[in-house]
Amino acid sequence: MLKKRTKIIILVAMVVLLGVTGYLNIALNNRVVDAGGNAITSYNYFDSYRTDRTVAREEMIAEYDAILASADSSEEAKKDAENAKLELVAKMEQDLALEYSIKGLGYEDAVVTTSTNYINVIVKSGEMTTTQVAQIQQLIIDQTDYIFNQIKVIPVE
């Protein structure tokens, strides 16, 4: 009994430390020094989103690992956790590859969010032409199983 309780305490402590690390990363990396030597905090949506997404995904992986490591978990639960973990890792790789591919088209930054039914692409770009949107949509169609009407491209400043 103590062994299970100890594992839960360690897991909770790791999740809390991960959250603190993410917060400090955002707080410290968004500081810019102006010409007068004064520190100015700047907000970057893309970096903030990526940090939040990474923290959430690492928490999910930690939960799957806890199920896999638990002697109390059934074989079915372990199999489900392993499959979910593999799907999450594949999704992480796909999102990263798509973001870099979009940046390769010449955009300053991009964030990709996916679900089973749709994909949103947030691109750092002022106004976009229909040709630019179509180019991003075609890139996603070529690299994924999504179809045209499942892809939404959102330009932001």
N, C-alpha and C. Protein backbone atom coordinates (compact mmCIF):
# COMPACT_ATOMS: atom_id res chain seq x y z
N MET A 1 0.82 -1.19 0.00
CA MET A 1 0.00 0.00 0.00
C MET A 1 0.87 1.26 0.00
N LEU A 2 1.91 1.26 0.82
CA LEU A 2 2.80 2.40 0.89
C LEU A 2 3.51 2.61 -0.44
N LYS A 3 3.81 1.52 -1.12
CA LYS A 3 4.51 1.61 -2.39
C LYS A 3 3.66 2.37 -3.43
N LYS A 4 2.37 2.06 -3.49
CA LYS A 4 1.48 2.74 -4.44
C LYS A 4 1.33 4.21 -4.07
N ARG A 5 1.21 4.49 -2.79
CA ARG A 5 1.07 5.87 -2.32
C ARG A 5 2.34 6.67 -2.64
N THR A 6 3.48 6.05 -2.46
CA THR A 6 4.76 6.72 -2.75
C THR A 6 4.85 7.05 -4.24
N LYS A 7 4.42 6.13 -5.09
CA LYS A 7 4.44 6.38 -6.53
C LYS A 7 3.55 7.56 -6.90
N ILE A 8 2.40 7.63 -6.30
CA ILE A 8 1.46 8.73 -6.58
C ILE A 8 2.06 10.05 -6.14
N ILE A 9 2.68 10.08 -4.97
CA ILE A 9 3.31 11.31 -4.47
C ILE A 9 4.43 11.75 -5.41
N ILE A 10 5.25 10.82 -5.83
CA ILE A 10 6.34 11.15 -6.75
C ILE A 10 5.79 11.67 -8.07
N LEU A 11 4.76 11.03 -8.59
CA LEU A 11 4.16 11.47 -9.86
C LEU A 11 3.59 12.87 -9.75
N VAL A 12 2.89 13.15 -8.66
CA VAL A 12 2.31 14.49 -8.46
C VAL A 12 3.43 15.53 -8.34
N ALA A 13 4.48 15.20 -7.62
CA ALA A 13 5.61 16.13 -7.48
C ALA A 13 6.25 16.42 -8.83
N MET A 14 6.37 15.39 -9.67
CA MET A 14 6.97 15.60 -11.00
C MET A 14 6.09 16.50 -11.86
N VAL A 15 4.79 16.32 -11.78
CA VAL A 15 3.87 17.15 -12.57
C VAL A 15 3.94 18.60 -12.11
N VAL A 16 3.99 18.81 -10.80
CA VAL A 16 4.09 20.18 -10.27
C VAL A 16 5.40 20.82 -10.71
N LEU A 17 6.50 20.09 -10.62
CA LEU A 17 7.79 20.63 -11.06
C LEU A 17 7.78 20.94 -12.56
N LEU A 18 7.12 20.10 -13.33
CA LEU A 18 7.02 20.34 -14.77
C LEU A 18 6.25 21.63 -15.04
N GLY A 19 5.17 21.85 -14.30
CA GLY A 19 4.39 23.08 -14.46
C GLY A 19 5.20 24.31 -14.09
N VAL A 20 5.94 24.24 -13.00
CA VAL A 20 6.79 25.35 -12.57
C VAL A 20 7.87 25.62 -13.61
N THR A 21 8.46 24.57 -14.15
CA THR A 21 9.48 24.73 -15.18
C THR A 21 8.92 25.43 -16.41
N GLY A 22 7.72 25.03 -16.83
CA GLY A 22 7.09 25.68 -17.98
C GLY A 22 6.83 27.15 -17.73
N TYR A 23 6.33 27.47 -16.54
CA TYR A 23 6.07 28.86 -16.20
C TYR A 23 7.36 29.67 -16.20
N LEU A 24 8.40 29.16 -15.58
CA LEU A 24 9.68 29.88 -15.53
C LEU A 24 10.26 30.05 -16.93
N ASN A 25 10.10 29.04 -17.76
CA ASN A 25 10.58 29.13 -19.13
C ASN A 25 9.92 30.29 -19.86
N ILE A 26 8.62 30.41 -19.72
CA ILE A 26 7.89 31.51 -20.36
C ILE A 26 8.31 32.85 -19.76
N ALA A 27 8.35 32.91 -18.45
CA ALA A 27 8.66 34.17 -17.77
C ALA A 27 10.06 34.66 -18.10
N LEU A 28 11.02 33.78 -18.15
CA LEU A 28 12.40 34.19 -18.36
C LEU A 28 12.75 34.38 -19.83
N ASN A 29 12.13 33.63 -20.72
CA ASN A 29 12.45 33.75 -22.14
C ASN A 29 11.72 34.88 -22.84
N ASN A 30 10.71 35.44 -22.23
CA ASN A 30 9.97 36.53 -22.85
C ASN A 30 10.44 37.90 -22.36
N ARG A 31 11.64 37.96 -21.87
CA ARG A 31 12.20 39.23 -21.42
C ARG A 31 13.16 39.76 -22.49
N VAL A 32 12.98 41.01 -22.85
CA VAL A 32 13.81 41.67 -23.84
C VAL A 32 14.43 42.89 -23.17
N VAL A 33 15.70 43.16 -23.49
CA VAL A 33 16.36 44.32 -22.91
C VAL A 33 16.37 45.43 -23.94
N ASP A 34 15.83 46.61 -23.56
CA ASP A 34 15.81 47.73 -24.50
C ASP A 34 17.16 48.45 -24.48
N ALA A 35 17.30 49.50 -25.30
CA ALA A 35 18.56 50.21 -25.43
C ALA A 35 19.03 50.82 -24.12
N GLY A 36 18.13 51.17 -23.23
CA GLY A 36 18.49 51.76 -21.95
C GLY A 36 18.86 50.72 -20.90
N GLY A 37 18.85 49.44 -21.25
CA GLY A 37 19.20 48.39 -20.30
C GLY A 37 18.05 47.93 -19.44
N ASN A 38 16.85 48.43 -19.70
CA ASN A 38 15.68 48.03 -18.92
C ASN A 38 15.07 46.76 -19.51
N ALA A 39 14.64 45.85 -18.65
CA ALA A 39 14.02 44.61 -19.11
C ALA A 39 12.55 44.86 -19.42
N ILE A 40 12.12 44.40 -20.57
CA ILE A 40 10.74 44.53 -20.99
C ILE A 40 10.21 43.12 -21.23
N THR A 41 9.05 42.81 -20.69
CA THR A 41 8.45 41.50 -20.90
C THR A 41 7.57 41.57 -22.13
N SER A 42 7.78 40.64 -23.04
CA SER A 42 6.96 40.59 -24.24
C SER A 42 6.21 39.27 -24.28
N TYR A 43 4.99 39.31 -24.78
CA TYR A 43 4.16 38.12 -24.86
C TYR A 43 4.25 37.55 -26.27
N ASN A 44 4.54 36.28 -26.37
CA ASN A 44 4.60 35.63 -27.66
C ASN A 44 3.62 34.46 -27.63
N TYR A 45 2.54 34.58 -28.34
CA TYR A 45 1.49 33.56 -28.37
C TYR A 45 2.05 32.21 -28.77
N PHE A 46 2.88 32.18 -29.79
CA PHE A 46 3.37 30.92 -30.33
C PHE A 46 4.23 30.17 -29.31
N ASP A 47 5.16 30.87 -28.68
CA ASP A 47 6.00 30.23 -27.66
C ASP A 47 5.17 29.78 -26.47
N SER A 48 4.26 30.62 -26.04
CA SER A 48 3.40 30.29 -24.91
C SER A 48 2.55 29.05 -25.21
N TYR A 49 1.98 29.00 -26.39
CA TYR A 49 1.15 27.86 -26.77
C TYR A 49 1.98 26.58 -26.79
N ARG A 50 3.17 26.66 -27.39
CA ARG A 50 4.02 25.48 -27.46
C ARG A 50 4.42 24.98 -26.07
N THR A 51 4.72 25.90 -25.17
CA THR A 51 5.08 25.52 -23.81
C THR A 51 3.90 24.85 -23.11
N ASP A 52 2.72 25.43 -23.22
CA ASP A 52 1.53 24.85 -22.61
C ASP A 52 1.23 23.46 -23.20
N ARG A 53 1.36 23.34 -24.51
CA ARG A 53 1.10 22.07 -25.18
C ARG A 53 2.11 21.01 -24.72
N THR A 54 3.37 21.40 -24.61
CA THR A 54 4.41 20.47 -24.17
C THR A 54 4.16 19.99 -22.75
N VAL A 55 3.81 20.91 -21.87
CA VAL A 55 3.53 20.54 -20.48
C VAL A 55 2.35 19.57 -20.41
N ALA A 56 1.29 19.86 -21.14
CA ALA A 56 0.11 18.99 -21.13
C ALA A 56 0.46 17.61 -21.67
N ARG A 57 1.22 17.55 -22.73
CA ARG A 57 1.57 16.26 -23.31
C ARG A 57 2.52 15.48 -22.41
N GLU A 58 3.44 16.15 -21.75
CA GLU A 58 4.33 15.46 -20.83
C GLU A 58 3.56 14.91 -19.63
N GLU A 59 2.54 15.62 -19.20
CA GLU A 59 1.70 15.12 -18.11
C GLU A 59 0.95 13.86 -18.57
N MET A 60 0.46 13.87 -19.80
CA MET A 60 -0.24 12.70 -20.31
C MET A 60 0.70 11.51 -20.42
N ILE A 61 1.91 11.74 -20.90
CA ILE A 61 2.90 10.66 -21.00
C ILE A 61 3.24 10.12 -19.62
N ALA A 62 3.36 11.00 -18.64
CA ALA A 62 3.64 10.56 -17.26
C ALA A 62 2.50 9.69 -16.74
N GLU A 63 1.27 10.04 -17.06
CA GLU A 63 0.12 9.23 -16.64
C GLU A 63 0.16 7.86 -17.30
N TYR A 64 0.45 7.82 -18.59
CA TYR A 64 0.54 6.53 -19.29
C TYR A 64 1.67 5.69 -18.70
N ASP A 65 2.82 6.32 -18.43
CA ASP A 65 3.95 5.60 -17.84
C ASP A 65 3.60 5.05 -16.46
N ALA A 66 2.83 5.81 -15.69
CA ALA A 66 2.41 5.34 -14.36
C ALA A 66 1.52 4.11 -14.48
N ILE A 67 0.63 4.10 -15.45
CA ILE A 67 -0.23 2.93 -15.67
C ILE A 67 0.62 1.74 -16.09
N LEU A 68 1.58 1.98 -16.98
CA LEU A 68 2.43 0.89 -17.45
C LEU A 68 3.31 0.33 -16.34
N ALA A 69 3.75 1.18 -15.43
CA ALA A 69 4.65 0.75 -14.36
C ALA A 69 3.92 0.14 -13.16
N SER A 70 2.64 0.37 -13.06
CA SER A 70 1.87 -0.10 -11.91
C SER A 70 1.63 -1.60 -11.97
N ALA A 71 1.91 -2.25 -10.87
CA ALA A 71 1.64 -3.68 -10.77
C ALA A 71 0.14 -3.95 -10.66
N ASP A 72 -0.62 -2.95 -10.24
CA ASP A 72 -2.06 -3.09 -10.06
C ASP A 72 -2.84 -2.94 -11.36
N SER A 73 -2.20 -2.46 -12.42
CA SER A 73 -2.90 -2.26 -13.70
C SER A 73 -3.12 -3.59 -14.40
N SER A 74 -4.29 -3.72 -15.00
CA SER A 74 -4.58 -4.93 -15.76
C SER A 74 -3.80 -4.91 -17.08
N GLU A 75 -3.70 -6.06 -17.70
CA GLU A 75 -3.00 -6.15 -18.99
C GLU A 75 -3.72 -5.31 -20.04
N GLU A 76 -5.04 -5.26 -19.98
CA GLU A 76 -5.81 -4.46 -20.93
C GLU A 76 -5.52 -2.96 -20.73
N ALA A 77 -5.46 -2.53 -19.48
CA ALA A 77 -5.16 -1.13 -19.18
C ALA A 77 -3.76 -0.77 -19.65
N LYS A 78 -2.82 -1.68 -19.45
CA LYS A 78 -1.44 -1.44 -19.90
C LYS A 78 -1.37 -1.36 -21.42
N LYS A 79 -2.11 -2.24 -22.10
CA LYS A 79 -2.13 -2.22 -23.56
C LYS A 79 -2.75 -0.92 -24.08
N ASP A 80 -3.86 -0.50 -23.47
CA ASP A 80 -4.51 0.76 -23.85
C ASP A 80 -3.58 1.95 -23.62
N ALA A 81 -2.88 1.95 -22.47
CA ALA A 81 -1.95 3.05 -22.16
C ALA A 81 -0.80 3.08 -23.16
N GLU A 82 -0.28 1.93 -23.52
CA GLU A 82 0.82 1.85 -24.49
C GLU A 82 0.37 2.37 -25.85
N ASN A 83 -0.83 1.96 -26.29
CA ASN A 83 -1.36 2.44 -27.58
C ASN A 83 -1.61 3.94 -27.56
N ALA A 84 -2.18 4.45 -26.46
CA ALA A 84 -2.44 5.88 -26.35
C ALA A 84 -1.13 6.67 -26.35
N LYS A 85 -0.12 6.14 -25.69
CA LYS A 85 1.18 6.81 -25.64
C LYS A 85 1.81 6.85 -27.04
N LEU A 86 1.74 5.75 -27.76
CA LEU A 86 2.28 5.70 -29.12
C LEU A 86 1.54 6.67 -30.05
N GLU A 87 0.21 6.76 -29.91
CA GLU A 87 -0.57 7.70 -30.72
C GLU A 87 -0.19 9.14 -30.40
N LEU A 88 0.01 9.44 -29.12
CA LEU A 88 0.39 10.79 -28.71
C LEU A 88 1.75 11.16 -29.26
N VAL A 89 2.70 10.25 -29.20
CA VAL A 89 4.04 10.53 -29.72
C VAL A 89 3.98 10.75 -31.24
N ALA A 90 3.20 9.95 -31.93
CA ALA A 90 3.04 10.13 -33.38
C ALA A 90 2.42 11.49 -33.70
N LYS A 91 1.42 11.89 -32.91
CA LYS A 91 0.77 13.18 -33.10
C LYS A 91 1.77 14.32 -32.85
N MET A 92 2.59 14.17 -31.82
CA MET A 92 3.60 15.19 -31.51
C MET A 92 4.57 15.35 -32.69
N GLU A 93 5.03 14.23 -33.23
CA GLU A 93 5.95 14.27 -34.37
C GLU A 93 5.30 14.90 -35.59
N GLN A 94 4.03 14.56 -35.84
CA GLN A 94 3.32 15.11 -36.99
C GLN A 94 3.13 16.62 -36.85
N ASP A 95 2.70 17.08 -35.68
CA ASP A 95 2.52 18.51 -35.46
C ASP A 95 3.82 19.28 -35.67
N LEU A 96 4.90 18.75 -35.13
CA LEU A 96 6.20 19.41 -35.26
C LEU A 96 6.63 19.46 -36.73
N ALA A 97 6.47 18.36 -37.44
CA ALA A 97 6.85 18.32 -38.85
C ALA A 97 6.03 19.32 -39.67
N LEU A 98 4.74 19.40 -39.39
CA LEU A 98 3.89 20.35 -40.12
C LEU A 98 4.29 21.79 -39.81
N GLU A 99 4.57 22.08 -38.55
CA GLU A 99 4.97 23.45 -38.19
C GLU A 99 6.26 23.85 -38.89
N TYR A 100 7.23 22.95 -38.93
CA TYR A 100 8.48 23.26 -39.62
C TYR A 100 8.28 23.37 -41.13
N SER A 101 7.40 22.55 -41.69
CA SER A 101 7.12 22.65 -43.13
C SER A 101 6.48 23.98 -43.48
N ILE A 102 5.57 24.45 -42.63
CA ILE A 102 4.92 25.74 -42.87
C ILE A 102 5.94 26.87 -42.74
N LYS A 103 6.80 26.79 -41.75
CA LYS A 103 7.86 27.80 -41.63
C LYS A 103 8.76 27.76 -42.86
N GLY A 104 8.97 26.57 -43.41
CA GLY A 104 9.78 26.42 -44.62
C GLY A 104 9.18 27.11 -45.82
N LEU A 105 7.89 27.37 -45.79
CA LEU A 105 7.24 28.11 -46.88
C LEU A 105 7.51 29.61 -46.79
N GLY A 106 8.18 30.04 -45.70
CA GLY A 106 8.54 31.44 -45.57
C GLY A 106 7.78 32.20 -44.50
N TYR A 107 6.97 31.52 -43.72
CA TYR A 107 6.23 32.19 -42.65
C TYR A 107 7.10 32.24 -41.40
N GLU A 108 6.93 33.30 -40.63
CA GLU A 108 7.76 33.51 -39.45
C GLU A 108 7.52 32.45 -38.38
N ASP A 109 6.26 32.08 -38.16
CA ASP A 109 5.94 31.09 -37.14
C ASP A 109 4.60 30.46 -37.45
N ALA A 110 4.37 29.28 -36.89
CA ALA A 110 3.11 28.57 -37.08
C ALA A 110 2.89 27.60 -35.93
N VAL A 111 1.61 27.37 -35.61
CA VAL A 111 1.22 26.39 -34.61
C VAL A 111 0.15 25.52 -35.23
N VAL A 112 0.27 24.22 -35.04
CA VAL A 112 -0.70 23.27 -35.58
C VAL A 112 -1.41 22.59 -34.42
N THR A 113 -2.73 22.58 -34.46
CA THR A 113 -3.51 21.85 -33.47
C THR A 113 -4.38 20.85 -34.22
N THR A 114 -4.34 19.61 -33.77
CA THR A 114 -5.08 18.56 -34.47
C THR A 114 -6.03 17.84 -33.54
N SER A 115 -7.06 17.30 -34.14
CA SER A 115 -7.97 16.38 -33.45
C SER A 115 -8.31 15.30 -34.47
N THR A 116 -9.20 14.42 -34.12
CA THR A 116 -9.56 13.36 -35.06
C THR A 116 -10.36 13.87 -36.25
N ASN A 117 -11.05 15.02 -36.08
CA ASN A 117 -11.94 15.51 -37.14
C ASN A 117 -11.46 16.75 -37.87
N TYR A 118 -10.49 17.47 -37.31
CA TYR A 118 -10.08 18.72 -37.94
C TYR A 118 -8.65 19.07 -37.57
N ILE A 119 -8.11 20.04 -38.29
CA ILE A 119 -6.78 20.55 -38.01
C ILE A 119 -6.82 22.07 -38.18
N ASN A 120 -6.30 22.77 -37.20
CA ASN A 120 -6.19 24.23 -37.26
C ASN A 120 -4.72 24.60 -37.41
N VAL A 121 -4.47 25.55 -38.28
CA VAL A 121 -3.12 26.05 -38.48
C VAL A 121 -3.14 27.55 -38.22
N ILE A 122 -2.43 27.97 -37.20
CA ILE A 122 -2.34 29.39 -36.87
C ILE A 122 -0.98 29.86 -37.38
N VAL A 123 -1.02 30.81 -38.30
CA VAL A 123 0.20 31.26 -38.98
C VAL A 123 0.47 32.71 -38.65
N LYS A 124 1.72 33.01 -38.31
CA LYS A 124 2.10 34.40 -38.05
C LYS A 124 2.31 35.07 -39.41
N SER A 125 1.28 35.78 -39.80
CA SER A 125 1.28 36.44 -41.09
C SER A 125 0.13 37.42 -41.07
N GLY A 126 0.33 38.57 -41.63
CA GLY A 126 -0.77 39.53 -41.68
C GLY A 126 -1.90 38.97 -42.52
N GLU A 127 -2.26 39.65 -43.55
CA GLU A 127 -3.27 39.16 -44.47
C GLU A 127 -2.66 38.05 -45.33
N MET A 128 -3.50 37.06 -45.64
CA MET A 128 -3.05 35.97 -46.50
C MET A 128 -3.94 35.91 -47.73
N THR A 129 -3.33 35.63 -48.85
CA THR A 129 -4.10 35.46 -50.08
C THR A 129 -4.69 34.06 -50.10
N THR A 130 -5.66 33.86 -50.97
CA THR A 130 -6.25 32.53 -51.09
C THR A 130 -5.22 31.53 -51.60
N THR A 131 -4.28 31.99 -52.39
CA THR A 131 -3.21 31.12 -52.90
C THR A 131 -2.32 30.65 -51.76
N GLN A 132 -1.99 31.54 -50.82
CA GLN A 132 -1.16 31.16 -49.68
C GLN A 132 -1.89 30.16 -48.78
N VAL A 133 -3.18 30.40 -48.55
CA VAL A 133 -3.97 29.48 -47.74
C VAL A 133 -4.03 28.11 -48.43
N ALA A 134 -4.27 28.11 -49.73
CA ALA A 134 -4.35 26.86 -50.49
C ALA A 134 -3.01 26.11 -50.45
N GLN A 135 -1.92 26.84 -50.48
CA GLN A 135 -0.59 26.22 -50.42
C GLN A 135 -0.39 25.49 -49.09
N ILE A 136 -0.81 26.11 -47.99
CA ILE A 136 -0.69 25.48 -46.67
C ILE A 136 -1.64 24.28 -46.58
N GLN A 137 -2.86 24.45 -47.09
CA GLN A 137 -3.81 23.33 -47.07
C GLN A 137 -3.28 22.15 -47.88
N GLN A 138 -2.71 22.41 -49.02
CA GLN A 138 -2.18 21.33 -49.85
C GLN A 138 -1.01 20.63 -49.16
N LEU A 139 -0.17 21.38 -48.48
CA LEU A 139 0.94 20.81 -47.73
C LEU A 139 0.41 19.84 -46.66
N ILE A 140 -0.65 20.24 -45.97
CA ILE A 140 -1.24 19.40 -44.93
C ILE A 140 -1.91 18.17 -45.54
N ILE A 141 -2.61 18.35 -46.64
CA ILE A 141 -3.24 17.22 -47.32
C ILE A 141 -2.19 16.20 -47.76
N ASP A 142 -1.06 16.68 -48.25
CA ASP A 142 0.02 15.80 -48.72
C ASP A 142 0.67 15.02 -47.57
N GLN A 143 0.69 15.60 -46.37
CA GLN A 143 1.41 14.97 -45.25
C GLN A 143 0.51 14.27 -44.25
N THR A 144 -0.81 14.41 -44.39
CA THR A 144 -1.73 13.81 -43.42
C THR A 144 -2.90 13.15 -44.14
N ASP A 145 -3.84 12.66 -43.35
CA ASP A 145 -5.06 12.06 -43.90
C ASP A 145 -6.24 13.03 -43.90
N TYR A 146 -5.99 14.29 -43.56
CA TYR A 146 -7.06 15.28 -43.53
C TYR A 146 -7.43 15.69 -44.95
N ILE A 147 -8.70 16.07 -45.12
CA ILE A 147 -9.15 16.56 -46.41
C ILE A 147 -9.39 18.06 -46.32
N PHE A 148 -9.62 18.68 -47.45
CA PHE A 148 -9.70 20.13 -47.57
C PHE A 148 -10.62 20.78 -46.55
N ASN A 149 -11.84 20.27 -46.40
CA ASN A 149 -12.80 20.93 -45.51
C ASN A 149 -12.53 20.68 -44.02
N GLN A 150 -11.52 19.89 -43.69
CA GLN A 150 -11.14 19.67 -42.30
C GLN A 150 -9.98 20.57 -41.86
N ILE A 151 -9.48 21.40 -42.77
CA ILE A 151 -8.29 22.22 -42.50
C ILE A 151 -8.69 23.68 -42.44
N LYS A 152 -8.34 24.34 -41.34
CA LYS A 152 -8.62 25.76 -41.20
C LYS A 152 -7.29 26.48 -40.97
N VAL A 153 -7.01 27.46 -41.81
CA VAL A 153 -5.81 28.27 -41.70
C VAL A 153 -6.19 29.63 -41.12
N ILE A 154 -5.54 30.00 -40.02
CA ILE A 154 -5.88 31.24 -39.32
C ILE A 154 -4.65 32.15 -39.29
N PRO A 155 -4.66 33.24 -40.05
CA PRO A 155 -3.52 34.17 -39.99
C PRO A 155 -3.64 35.10 -38.80
N VAL A 156 -2.52 35.36 -38.12
CA VAL A 156 -2.50 36.33 -37.02
C VAL A 156 -1.28 37.22 -37.21
N GLU A 157 -1.35 38.38 -36.60
CA GLU A 157 -0.23 39.34 -36.67
C GLU A 157 0.88 38.91 -35.77
